[in-house]
Amino acid sequence: MSRSNRFRLMLALSAILMASQISSPANAASVNYRMCLGEYERNCQAHDIYEYCYYDVQAWANAHCGSSVIQNYSTYGGNKCGYSHYMIVCDNPKAASPSAFRKPPE
């Protein structure tokens, strides 16, 4: 295959891929957030969002996502209430102020 034909083929494939991504309803915006609940943020594993003990994870997801799936992926004892980690798959995220997401300690 000549160089010019390979270029045309790559261009055609790129156009097809871009068109399928634009028109695909399954390509709606989706963001994953890792949330940690517990007494001390410093005792959490890697996370995007921290909340204190017994926080309502579903309420957070309802306030920040068009729809969501929540999965508890880690729980361990310690301090006042232990620590729980959740993955929140947030479809069609709603606009939020930057303070809604706390950056984990470095």
C-alpha atoms as a PDB file:
ATOM      1  CA  MET A   1       0.000   0.000   0.000  1.00  0.00           C
ATOM      2  CA  SER A   2       1.426   3.349  -0.989  1.00  0.00           C
ATOM      3  CA  ARG A   3       2.053   6.104   1.526  1.00  0.00           C
ATOM      4  CA  SER A   4      -0.710   8.262   0.065  1.00  0.00           C
ATOM      5  CA  ASN A   5      -3.239   5.397   0.265  1.00  0.00           C
ATOM      6  CA  ARG A   6      -2.300   4.725   3.911  1.00  0.00           C
ATOM      7  CA  PHE A   7      -2.838   8.416   4.670  1.00  0.00           C
ATOM      8  CA  ARG A   8      -6.277   8.363   2.994  1.00  0.00           C
ATOM      9  CA  LEU A   9      -7.220   5.218   4.910  1.00  0.00           C
ATOM     10  CA  MET A  10      -6.133   6.747   8.228  1.00  0.00           C
ATOM     11  CA  LEU A  11      -8.075   9.917   7.437  1.00  0.00           C
ATOM     12  CA  ALA A  12     -11.212   7.941   6.572  1.00  0.00           C
ATOM     13  CA  LEU A  13     -10.950   5.824   9.742  1.00  0.00           C
ATOM     14  CA  SER A  14     -10.466   8.944  11.867  1.00  0.00           C
ATOM     15  CA  ALA A  15     -13.552  10.537  10.341  1.00  0.00           C
ATOM     16  CA  ILE A  16     -15.632   7.412  11.003  1.00  0.00           C
ATOM     17  CA  LEU A  17     -14.454   7.178  14.608  1.00  0.00           C
ATOM     18  CA  MET A  18     -15.153  10.852  15.280  1.00  0.00           C
ATOM     19  CA  ALA A  19     -18.639  10.609  13.751  1.00  0.00           C
ATOM     20  CA  SER A  20     -19.522   7.535  15.796  1.00  0.00           C
ATOM     21  CA  GLN A  21     -18.393   9.211  19.030  1.00  0.00           C
ATOM     22  CA  ILE A  22     -20.394  12.350  18.361  1.00  0.00           C
ATOM     23  CA  SER A  23     -23.640  10.548  17.535  1.00  0.00           C
ATOM     24  CA  SER A  24     -23.432   7.833  20.186  1.00  0.00           C
ATOM     25  CA  PRO A  25     -25.916   8.311  23.058  1.00  0.00           C
ATOM     26  CA  ALA A  26     -23.699   6.101  25.241  1.00  0.00           C
ATOM     27  CA  ASN A  27     -21.025   8.803  25.014  1.00  0.00           C
ATOM     28  CA  ALA A  28     -22.791  11.082  27.520  1.00  0.00           C
ATOM     29  CA  ALA A  29     -20.590  12.849  30.072  1.00  0.00           C
ATOM     30  CA  SER A  30     -19.518  10.586  32.917  1.00  0.00           C
ATOM     31  CA  VAL A  31     -17.051  11.300  35.730  1.00  0.00           C
ATOM     32  CA  ASN A  32     -15.753   8.970  38.443  1.00  0.00           C
ATOM     33  CA  TYR A  33     -15.213  10.344  41.951  1.00  0.00           C
ATOM     34  CA  ARG A  34     -13.564   8.536  44.867  1.00  0.00           C
ATOM     35  CA  MET A  35     -15.109   9.555  48.201  1.00  0.00           C
ATOM     36  CA  CYS A  36     -13.744   8.794  51.649  1.00  0.00           C
ATOM     37  CA  LEU A  37     -15.811   8.932  54.848  1.00  0.00           C
ATOM     38  CA  GLY A  38     -14.149   8.869  58.234  1.00  0.00           C
ATOM     39  CA  GLU A  39     -13.022  10.898  61.236  1.00  0.00           C
ATOM     40  CA  TYR A  40      -9.647  12.091  59.876  1.00  0.00           C
ATOM     41  CA  GLU A  41      -9.004  12.789  56.212  1.00  0.00           C
ATOM     42  CA  ARG A  42      -5.308  11.983  56.622  1.00  0.00           C
ATOM     43  CA  ASN A  43      -6.239   8.334  57.353  1.00  0.00           C
ATOM     44  CA  CYS A  44      -8.080   7.944  54.027  1.00  0.00           C
ATOM     45  CA  GLN A  45      -6.686   6.133  51.022  1.00  0.00           C
ATOM     46  CA  ALA A  46      -6.396   8.138  47.782  1.00  0.00           C
ATOM     47  CA  HIS A  47      -9.629  10.079  47.201  1.00  0.00           C
ATOM     48  CA  ASP A  48     -11.167  13.073  45.429  1.00  0.00           C
ATOM     49  CA  ILE A  49     -13.761  13.978  48.062  1.00  0.00           C
ATOM     50  CA  TYR A  50     -13.648  13.701  51.846  1.00  0.00           C
ATOM     51  CA  GLU A  51     -16.616  13.840  54.211  1.00  0.00           C
ATOM     52  CA  TYR A  52     -16.925  13.224  57.932  1.00  0.00           C
ATOM     53  CA  CYS A  53     -18.394  10.071  59.518  1.00  0.00           C
ATOM     54  CA  TYR A  54     -21.837   8.821  58.437  1.00  0.00           C
ATOM     55  CA  TYR A  55     -22.176  11.309  55.562  1.00  0.00           C
ATOM     56  CA  ASP A  56     -24.991  10.508  53.097  1.00  0.00           C
ATOM     57  CA  VAL A  57     -23.127   9.538  49.919  1.00  0.00           C
ATOM     58  CA  GLN A  58     -26.383   9.193  47.954  1.00  0.00           C
ATOM     59  CA  ALA A  59     -27.386  12.762  48.885  1.00  0.00           C
ATOM     60  CA  TRP A  60     -24.047  14.029  47.551  1.00  0.00           C
ATOM     61  CA  ALA A  61     -24.522  12.084  44.303  1.00  0.00           C
ATOM     62  CA  ASN A  62     -28.101  13.379  43.927  1.00  0.00           C
ATOM     63  CA  ALA A  63     -26.883  16.965  44.363  1.00  0.00           C
ATOM     64  CA  HIS A  64     -23.974  16.661  41.919  1.00  0.00           C
ATOM     65  CA  CYS A  65     -25.008  14.108  39.269  1.00  0.00           C
ATOM     66  CA  GLY A  66     -27.848  13.705  36.815  1.00  0.00           C
ATOM     67  CA  SER A  67     -27.752  10.007  37.705  1.00  0.00           C
ATOM     68  CA  SER A  68     -25.193   7.901  39.525  1.00  0.00           C
ATOM     69  CA  VAL A  69     -23.982   4.480  40.568  1.00  0.00           C
ATOM     70  CA  ILE A  70     -22.296   4.177  43.971  1.00  0.00           C
ATOM     71  CA  GLN A  71     -19.989   1.293  44.868  1.00  0.00           C
ATOM     72  CA  ASN A  72     -18.358   0.771  48.276  1.00  0.00           C
ATOM     73  CA  TYR A  73     -14.901  -0.600  47.470  1.00  0.00           C
ATOM     74  CA  SER A  74     -13.087  -0.439  50.815  1.00  0.00           C
ATOM     75  CA  THR A  75     -14.016  -0.340  54.499  1.00  0.00           C
ATOM     76  CA  TYR A  76     -11.673  -0.611  57.465  1.00  0.00           C
ATOM     77  CA  GLY A  77     -11.807   0.150  61.176  1.00  0.00           C
ATOM     78  CA  GLY A  78     -10.157   3.002  62.961  1.00  0.00           C
ATOM     79  CA  ASN A  79     -10.888   6.038  65.079  1.00  0.00           C
ATOM     80  CA  LYS A  80     -14.478   7.081  65.829  1.00  0.00           C
ATOM     81  CA  CYS A  81     -16.365   5.530  62.906  1.00  0.00           C
ATOM     82  CA  GLY A  82     -13.927   3.629  60.713  1.00  0.00           C
ATOM     83  CA  TYR A  83     -13.275   4.530  57.078  1.00  0.00           C
ATOM     84  CA  SER A  84     -15.325   3.783  53.974  1.00  0.00           C
ATOM     85  CA  HIS A  85     -14.352   4.436  50.377  1.00  0.00           C
ATOM     86  CA  TYR A  86     -16.876   4.797  47.585  1.00  0.00           C
ATOM     87  CA  MET A  87     -16.606   5.082  43.825  1.00  0.00           C
ATOM     88  CA  ILE A  88     -19.310   7.387  42.493  1.00  0.00           C
ATOM     89  CA  VAL A  89     -19.904   7.060  38.755  1.00  0.00           C
ATOM     90  CA  CYS A  90     -21.562  10.372  38.026  1.00  0.00           C
ATOM     91  CA  ASP A  91     -23.455  10.643  34.732  1.00  0.00           C
ATOM     92  CA  ASN A  92     -24.229  14.123  33.440  1.00  0.00           C
ATOM     93  CA  PRO A  93     -22.501  15.986  36.306  1.00  0.00           C
ATOM     94  CA  LYS A  94     -24.222  19.157  37.460  1.00  0.00           C
ATOM     95  CA  ALA A  95     -22.260  22.392  37.706  1.00  0.00           C
ATOM     96  CA  ALA A  96     -20.726  22.751  41.149  1.00  0.00           C
ATOM     97  CA  SER A  97     -18.658  25.313  42.976  1.00  0.00           C
ATOM     98  CA  PRO A  98     -14.970  24.370  43.403  1.00  0.00           C
ATOM     99  CA  SER A  99     -15.505  24.070  47.179  1.00  0.00           C
ATOM    100  CA  ALA A 100     -17.725  21.010  46.586  1.00  0.00           C
ATOM    101  CA  PHE A 101     -14.573  18.993  45.873  1.00  0.00           C
ATOM    102  CA  ARG A 102     -11.794  19.032  48.437  1.00  0.00           C
ATOM    103  CA  LYS A 103      -8.316  18.221  47.263  1.00  0.00           C
ATOM    104  CA  PRO A 104      -6.707  15.423  49.273  1.00  0.00           C
ATOM    105  CA  PRO A 105      -3.734  16.381  51.440  1.00  0.00           C
ATOM    106  CA  GLU A 106      -0.364  16.138  49.691  1.00  0.00           C
END
